[in-house]
Amino acid sequence: KFAKDCGARIICITDGENSPIAPFSD
């Protein structure tokens, strides 16, 4: 959330679309 607010591009490795970081991921 902090990185997203600062304008960084968020790329994630997680288990699926329901992951709590999914809404913030590019």
PDB file of all heavy atoms in Angstrom:
ATOM      1  N   LYS A   1       0.835  -1.208   0.000  1.00  0.00           N
ATOM      2  CA  LYS A   1       0.000   0.000   0.000  1.00  0.00           C
ATOM      3  C   LYS A   1       0.869   1.258   0.000  1.00  0.00           C
ATOM      4  O   LYS A   1       0.591   2.227  -0.726  1.00  0.00           O
ATOM      5  CB  LYS A   1      -0.922   0.004   1.218  1.00  0.00           C
ATOM      6  CG  LYS A   1      -2.030  -1.039   1.172  1.00  0.00           C
ATOM      7  CD  LYS A   1      -2.879  -0.958   2.451  1.00  0.00           C
ATOM      8  CE  LYS A   1      -3.997  -1.983   2.439  1.00  0.00           C
ATOM      9  NZ  LYS A   1      -4.797  -1.937   3.706  1.00  0.00           N
ATOM     10  N   PHE A   2       1.923   1.250   0.812  1.00  0.00           N
ATOM     11  CA  PHE A   2       2.816   2.410   0.897  1.00  0.00           C
ATOM     12  C   PHE A   2       3.498   2.658  -0.446  1.00  0.00           C
ATOM     13  O   PHE A   2       3.532   3.793  -0.938  1.00  0.00           O
ATOM     14  CB  PHE A   2       3.863   2.181   1.988  1.00  0.00           C
ATOM     15  CG  PHE A   2       4.833   3.311   2.155  1.00  0.00           C
ATOM     16  CD1 PHE A   2       4.497   4.427   2.898  1.00  0.00           C
ATOM     17  CD2 PHE A   2       6.090   3.259   1.564  1.00  0.00           C
ATOM     18  CE1 PHE A   2       5.392   5.486   3.056  1.00  0.00           C
ATOM     19  CE2 PHE A   2       6.999   4.301   1.708  1.00  0.00           C
ATOM     20  CZ  PHE A   2       6.642   5.422   2.459  1.00  0.00           C
ATOM     21  N   ALA A   3       4.049   1.597  -1.050  1.00  0.00           N
ATOM     22  CA  ALA A   3       4.736   1.735  -2.335  1.00  0.00           C
ATOM     23  C   ALA A   3       3.777   2.216  -3.416  1.00  0.00           C
ATOM     24  O   ALA A   3       4.134   3.048  -4.264  1.00  0.00           O
ATOM     25  CB  ALA A   3       5.364   0.400  -2.729  1.00  0.00           C
ATOM     26  N   LYS A   4       2.549   1.715  -3.379  1.00  0.00           N
ATOM     27  CA  LYS A   4       1.543   2.133  -4.364  1.00  0.00           C
ATOM     28  C   LYS A   4       1.220   3.609  -4.198  1.00  0.00           C
ATOM     29  O   LYS A   4       1.147   4.360  -5.191  1.00  0.00           O
ATOM     30  CB  LYS A   4       0.275   1.289  -4.167  1.00  0.00           C
ATOM     31  CG  LYS A   4      -0.822   1.568  -5.186  1.00  0.00           C
ATOM     32  CD  LYS A   4      -0.456   0.990  -6.526  1.00  0.00           C
ATOM     33  CE  LYS A   4      -1.609   1.082  -7.506  1.00  0.00           C
ATOM     34  NZ  LYS A   4      -1.256   0.526  -8.834  1.00  0.00           N
ATOM     35  N   ASP A   5       1.039   4.056  -2.963  1.00  0.00           N
ATOM     36  CA  ASP A   5       0.741   5.460  -2.689  1.00  0.00           C
ATOM     37  C   ASP A   5       1.867   6.374  -3.147  1.00  0.00           C
ATOM     38  O   ASP A   5       1.632   7.537  -3.506  1.00  0.00           O
ATOM     39  CB  ASP A   5       0.480   5.677  -1.202  1.00  0.00           C
ATOM     40  CG  ASP A   5      -0.851   5.082  -0.735  1.00  0.00           C
ATOM     41  OD1 ASP A   5      -1.701   4.807  -1.602  1.00  0.00           O
ATOM     42  OD2 ASP A   5      -1.018   4.889   0.485  1.00  0.00           O
ATOM     43  N   CYS A   6       3.101   5.845  -3.130  1.00  0.00           N
ATOM     44  CA  CYS A   6       4.270   6.640  -3.527  1.00  0.00           C
ATOM     45  C   CYS A   6       4.497   6.629  -5.036  1.00  0.00           C
ATOM     46  O   CYS A   6       5.424   7.270  -5.533  1.00  0.00           O
ATOM     47  CB  CYS A   6       5.519   6.125  -2.819  1.00  0.00           C
ATOM     48  SG  CYS A   6       5.523   6.413  -1.034  1.00  0.00           S
ATOM     49  N   GLY A   7       3.681   5.886  -5.760  1.00  0.00           N
ATOM     50  CA  GLY A   7       3.767   5.901  -7.221  1.00  0.00           C
ATOM     51  C   GLY A   7       4.555   4.780  -7.845  1.00  0.00           C
ATOM     52  O   GLY A   7       4.759   4.769  -9.073  1.00  0.00           O
ATOM     53  N   ALA A   8       5.020   3.822  -7.040  1.00  0.00           N
ATOM     54  CA  ALA A   8       5.784   2.694  -7.596  1.00  0.00           C
ATOM     55  C   ALA A   8       4.865   1.735  -8.334  1.00  0.00           C
ATOM     56  O   ALA A   8       3.656   1.668  -8.071  1.00  0.00           O
ATOM     57  CB  ALA A   8       6.519   1.964  -6.485  1.00  0.00           C
ATOM     58  N   ARG A   9       5.429   0.981  -9.240  1.00  0.00           N
ATOM     59  CA  ARG A   9       4.681  -0.063  -9.934  1.00  0.00           C
ATOM     60  C   ARG A   9       4.748  -1.321  -9.076  1.00  0.00           C
ATOM     61  O   ARG A   9       5.834  -1.754  -8.677  1.00  0.00           O
ATOM     62  CB  ARG A   9       5.277  -0.319 -11.311  1.00  0.00           C
ATOM     63  CG  ARG A   9       4.493  -1.325 -12.151  1.00  0.00           C
ATOM     64  CD  ARG A   9       4.923  -1.303 -13.609  1.00  0.00           C
ATOM     65  NE  ARG A   9       4.198  -2.273 -14.403  1.00  0.00           N
ATOM     66  CZ  ARG A   9       2.965  -2.099 -14.856  1.00  0.00           C
ATOM     67  NH1 ARG A   9       2.317  -0.983 -14.558  1.00  0.00           N
ATOM     68  NH2 ARG A   9       2.362  -3.018 -15.586  1.00  0.00           N
ATOM     69  N   ILE A  10       3.605  -1.929  -8.798  1.00  0.00           N
ATOM     70  CA  ILE A  10       3.532  -3.092  -7.916  1.00  0.00           C
ATOM     71  C   ILE A  10       3.375  -4.346  -8.756  1.00  0.00           C
ATOM     72  O   ILE A  10       2.398  -4.508  -9.493  1.00  0.00           O
ATOM     73  CB  ILE A  10       2.341  -2.987  -6.940  1.00  0.00           C
ATOM     74  CG1 ILE A  10       2.323  -1.621  -6.248  1.00  0.00           C
ATOM     75  CG2 ILE A  10       2.389  -4.126  -5.942  1.00  0.00           C
ATOM     76  CD1 ILE A  10       3.546  -1.322  -5.418  1.00  0.00           C
ATOM     77  N   ILE A  11       4.350  -5.237  -8.669  1.00  0.00           N
ATOM     78  CA  ILE A  11       4.245  -6.533  -9.337  1.00  0.00           C
ATOM     79  C   ILE A  11       4.405  -7.614  -8.266  1.00  0.00           C
ATOM     80  O   ILE A  11       5.291  -7.543  -7.419  1.00  0.00           O
ATOM     81  CB  ILE A  11       5.251  -6.698 -10.487  1.00  0.00           C
ATOM     82  CG1 ILE A  11       6.695  -6.605 -10.008  1.00  0.00           C
ATOM     83  CG2 ILE A  11       5.003  -5.626 -11.554  1.00  0.00           C
ATOM     84  CD1 ILE A  11       7.723  -6.866 -11.111  1.00  0.00           C
ATOM     85  N   CYS A  12       3.526  -8.584  -8.289  1.00  0.00           N
ATOM     86  CA  CYS A  12       3.421  -9.506  -7.160  1.00  0.00           C
ATOM     87  C   CYS A  12       3.496 -10.965  -7.579  1.00  0.00           C
ATOM     88  O   CYS A  12       3.115 -11.336  -8.691  1.00  0.00           O
ATOM     89  CB  CYS A  12       2.106  -9.283  -6.420  1.00  0.00           C
ATOM     90  SG  CYS A  12       1.937  -7.620  -5.753  1.00  0.00           S
ATOM     91  N   ILE A  13       3.968 -11.768  -6.644  1.00  0.00           N
ATOM     92  CA  ILE A  13       3.907 -13.217  -6.751  1.00  0.00           C
ATOM     93  C   ILE A  13       3.052 -13.678  -5.580  1.00  0.00           C
ATOM     94  O   ILE A  13       3.439 -13.533  -4.416  1.00  0.00           O
ATOM     95  CB  ILE A  13       5.302 -13.856  -6.689  1.00  0.00           C
ATOM     96  CG1 ILE A  13       6.185 -13.324  -7.827  1.00  0.00           C
ATOM     97  CG2 ILE A  13       5.202 -15.380  -6.767  1.00  0.00           C
ATOM     98  CD1 ILE A  13       7.638 -13.766  -7.728  1.00  0.00           C
ATOM     99  N   THR A  14       1.879 -14.207  -5.884  1.00  0.00           N
ATOM    100  CA  THR A  14       0.945 -14.592  -4.838  1.00  0.00           C
ATOM    101  C   THR A  14       0.112 -15.768  -5.322  1.00  0.00           C
ATOM    102  O   THR A  14       0.373 -16.313  -6.399  1.00  0.00           O
ATOM    103  CB  THR A  14       0.087 -13.385  -4.403  1.00  0.00           C
ATOM    104  OG1 THR A  14      -0.660 -13.707  -3.238  1.00  0.00           O
ATOM    105  CG2 THR A  14      -0.838 -12.927  -5.521  1.00  0.00           C
ATOM    106  N   ASP A  15      -0.905 -16.154  -4.557  1.00  0.00           N
ATOM    107  CA  ASP A  15      -1.604 -17.408  -4.871  1.00  0.00           C
ATOM    108  C   ASP A  15      -2.836 -17.238  -5.746  1.00  0.00           C
ATOM    109  O   ASP A  15      -3.362 -18.224  -6.255  1.00  0.00           O
ATOM    110  CB  ASP A  15      -1.988 -18.132  -3.577  1.00  0.00           C
ATOM    111  CG  ASP A  15      -2.956 -17.316  -2.732  1.00  0.00           C
ATOM    112  OD1 ASP A  15      -2.720 -16.112  -2.560  1.00  0.00           O
ATOM    113  OD2 ASP A  15      -3.936 -17.896  -2.232  1.00  0.00           O
ATOM    114  N   GLY A  16      -3.342 -16.015  -5.927  1.00  0.00           N
ATOM    115  CA  GLY A  16      -4.515 -15.863  -6.763  1.00  0.00           C
ATOM    116  C   GLY A  16      -5.107 -14.477  -6.684  1.00  0.00           C
ATOM    117  O   GLY A  16      -4.625 -13.599  -5.956  1.00  0.00           O
ATOM    118  N   GLU A  17      -6.188 -14.262  -7.441  1.00  0.00           N
ATOM    119  CA  GLU A  17      -6.810 -12.948  -7.525  1.00  0.00           C
ATOM    120  C   GLU A  17      -7.443 -12.505  -6.212  1.00  0.00           C
ATOM    121  O   GLU A  17      -7.710 -11.320  -6.017  1.00  0.00           O
ATOM    122  CB  GLU A  17      -7.871 -12.949  -8.625  1.00  0.00           C
ATOM    123  CG  GLU A  17      -7.288 -13.109 -10.020  1.00  0.00           C
ATOM    124  CD  GLU A  17      -8.349 -13.091 -11.100  1.00  0.00           C
ATOM    125  OE1 GLU A  17      -9.546 -13.026 -10.731  1.00  0.00           O
ATOM    126  OE2 GLU A  17      -7.998 -13.134 -12.284  1.00  0.00           O
ATOM    127  N   ASN A  18      -7.694 -13.435  -5.314  1.00  0.00           N
ATOM    128  CA  ASN A  18      -8.301 -13.084  -4.032  1.00  0.00           C
ATOM    129  C   ASN A  18      -7.273 -12.706  -2.960  1.00  0.00           C
ATOM    130  O   ASN A  18      -7.641 -12.421  -1.817  1.00  0.00           O
ATOM    131  CB  ASN A  18      -9.155 -14.246  -3.526  1.00  0.00           C
ATOM    132  CG  ASN A  18     -10.385 -14.469  -4.386  1.00  0.00           C
ATOM    133  OD1 ASN A  18     -11.056 -13.526  -4.765  1.00  0.00           O
ATOM    134  ND2 ASN A  18     -10.665 -15.722  -4.723  1.00  0.00           N
ATOM    135  N   SER A  19      -6.009 -12.720  -3.321  1.00  0.00           N
ATOM    136  CA  SER A  19      -4.962 -12.302  -2.387  1.00  0.00           C
ATOM    137  C   SER A  19      -5.204 -10.843  -1.978  1.00  0.00           C
ATOM    138  O   SER A  19      -5.610 -10.017  -2.809  1.00  0.00           O
ATOM    139  CB  SER A  19      -3.591 -12.428  -3.051  1.00  0.00           C
ATOM    140  OG  SER A  19      -2.584 -11.796  -2.271  1.00  0.00           O
ATOM    141  N   PRO A  20      -4.953 -10.484  -0.724  1.00  0.00           N
ATOM    142  CA  PRO A  20      -5.208  -9.108  -0.276  1.00  0.00           C
ATOM    143  C   PRO A  20      -4.317  -8.048  -0.929  1.00  0.00           C
ATOM    144  O   PRO A  20      -4.609  -6.858  -0.832  1.00  0.00           O
ATOM    145  CB  PRO A  20      -4.965  -9.180   1.239  1.00  0.00           C
ATOM    146  CG  PRO A  20      -4.102 -10.374   1.437  1.00  0.00           C
ATOM    147  CD  PRO A  20      -4.506 -11.348   0.381  1.00  0.00           C
ATOM    148  N   ILE A  21      -3.241  -8.468  -1.605  1.00  0.00           N
ATOM    149  CA  ILE A  21      -2.408  -7.486  -2.305  1.00  0.00           C
ATOM    150  C   ILE A  21      -2.848  -7.313  -3.763  1.00  0.00           C
ATOM    151  O   ILE A  21      -2.367  -6.411  -4.445  1.00  0.00           O
ATOM    152  CB  ILE A  21      -0.903  -7.847  -2.246  1.00  0.00           C
ATOM    153  CG1 ILE A  21      -0.631  -9.213  -2.884  1.00  0.00           C
ATOM    154  CG2 ILE A  21      -0.400  -7.793  -0.814  1.00  0.00           C
ATOM    155  CD1 ILE A  21       0.859  -9.558  -2.943  1.00  0.00           C
ATOM    156  N   ALA A  22      -3.777  -8.147  -4.210  1.00  0.00           N
ATOM    157  CA  ALA A  22      -4.233  -8.072  -5.602  1.00  0.00           C
ATOM    158  C   ALA A  22      -4.806  -6.706  -5.985  1.00  0.00           C
ATOM    159  O   ALA A  22      -4.496  -6.184  -7.065  1.00  0.00           O
ATOM    160  CB  ALA A  22      -5.247  -9.176  -5.888  1.00  0.00           C
ATOM    161  N   PRO A  23      -5.634  -6.062  -5.126  1.00  0.00           N
ATOM    162  CA  PRO A  23      -6.226  -4.776  -5.522  1.00  0.00           C
ATOM    163  C   PRO A  23      -5.196  -3.667  -5.758  1.00  0.00           C
ATOM    164  O   PRO A  23      -5.501  -2.670  -6.422  1.00  0.00           O
ATOM    165  CB  PRO A  23      -7.135  -4.427  -4.338  1.00  0.00           C
ATOM    166  CG  PRO A  23      -7.426  -5.729  -3.677  1.00  0.00           C
ATOM    167  CD  PRO A  23      -6.181  -6.526  -3.841  1.00  0.00           C
ATOM    168  N   PHE A  24      -4.003  -3.828  -5.213  1.00  0.00           N
ATOM    169  CA  PHE A  24      -2.975  -2.787  -5.337  1.00  0.00           C
ATOM    170  C   PHE A  24      -1.937  -3.127  -6.405  1.00  0.00           C
ATOM    171  O   PHE A  24      -1.010  -2.356  -6.640  1.00  0.00           O
ATOM    172  CB  PHE A  24      -2.269  -2.593  -3.993  1.00  0.00           C
ATOM    173  CG  PHE A  24      -3.213  -2.433  -2.835  1.00  0.00           C
ATOM    174  CD1 PHE A  24      -3.488  -3.503  -1.992  1.00  0.00           C
ATOM    175  CD2 PHE A  24      -3.855  -1.223  -2.612  1.00  0.00           C
ATOM    176  CE1 PHE A  24      -4.366  -3.369  -0.935  1.00  0.00           C
ATOM    177  CE2 PHE A  24      -4.749  -1.085  -1.559  1.00  0.00           C
ATOM    178  CZ  PHE A  24      -5.010  -2.161  -0.722  1.00  0.00           C
ATOM    179  N   SER A  25      -2.087  -4.283  -7.044  1.00  0.00           N
ATOM    180  CA  SER A  25      -1.069  -4.788  -7.956  1.00  0.00           C
ATOM    181  C   SER A  25      -1.313  -4.341  -9.391  1.00  0.00           C
ATOM    182  O   SER A  25      -2.448  -4.330  -9.869  1.00  0.00           O
ATOM    183  CB  SER A  25      -1.020  -6.315  -7.905  1.00  0.00           C
ATOM    184  OG  SER A  25      -0.744  -6.761  -6.599  1.00  0.00           O
ATOM    185  N   ASP A  26      -0.228  -3.987 -10.078  1.00  0.00           N
ATOM    186  CA  ASP A  26      -0.292  -3.665 -11.499  1.00  0.00           C
ATOM    187  C   ASP A  26      -0.108  -4.913 -12.354  1.00  0.00           C
ATOM    188  O   ASP A  26      -0.571  -4.959 -13.494  1.00  0.00           O
ATOM    189  CB  ASP A  26       0.790  -2.641 -11.847  1.00  0.00           C
ATOM    190  CG  ASP A  26       0.584  -1.325 -11.119  1.00  0.00           C
ATOM    191  OD1 ASP A  26      -0.423  -0.647 -11.417  1.00  0.00           O
ATOM    192  OD2 ASP A  26       1.399  -0.997 -10.247  1.00  0.00           O
TER     193      ASP A  26
END
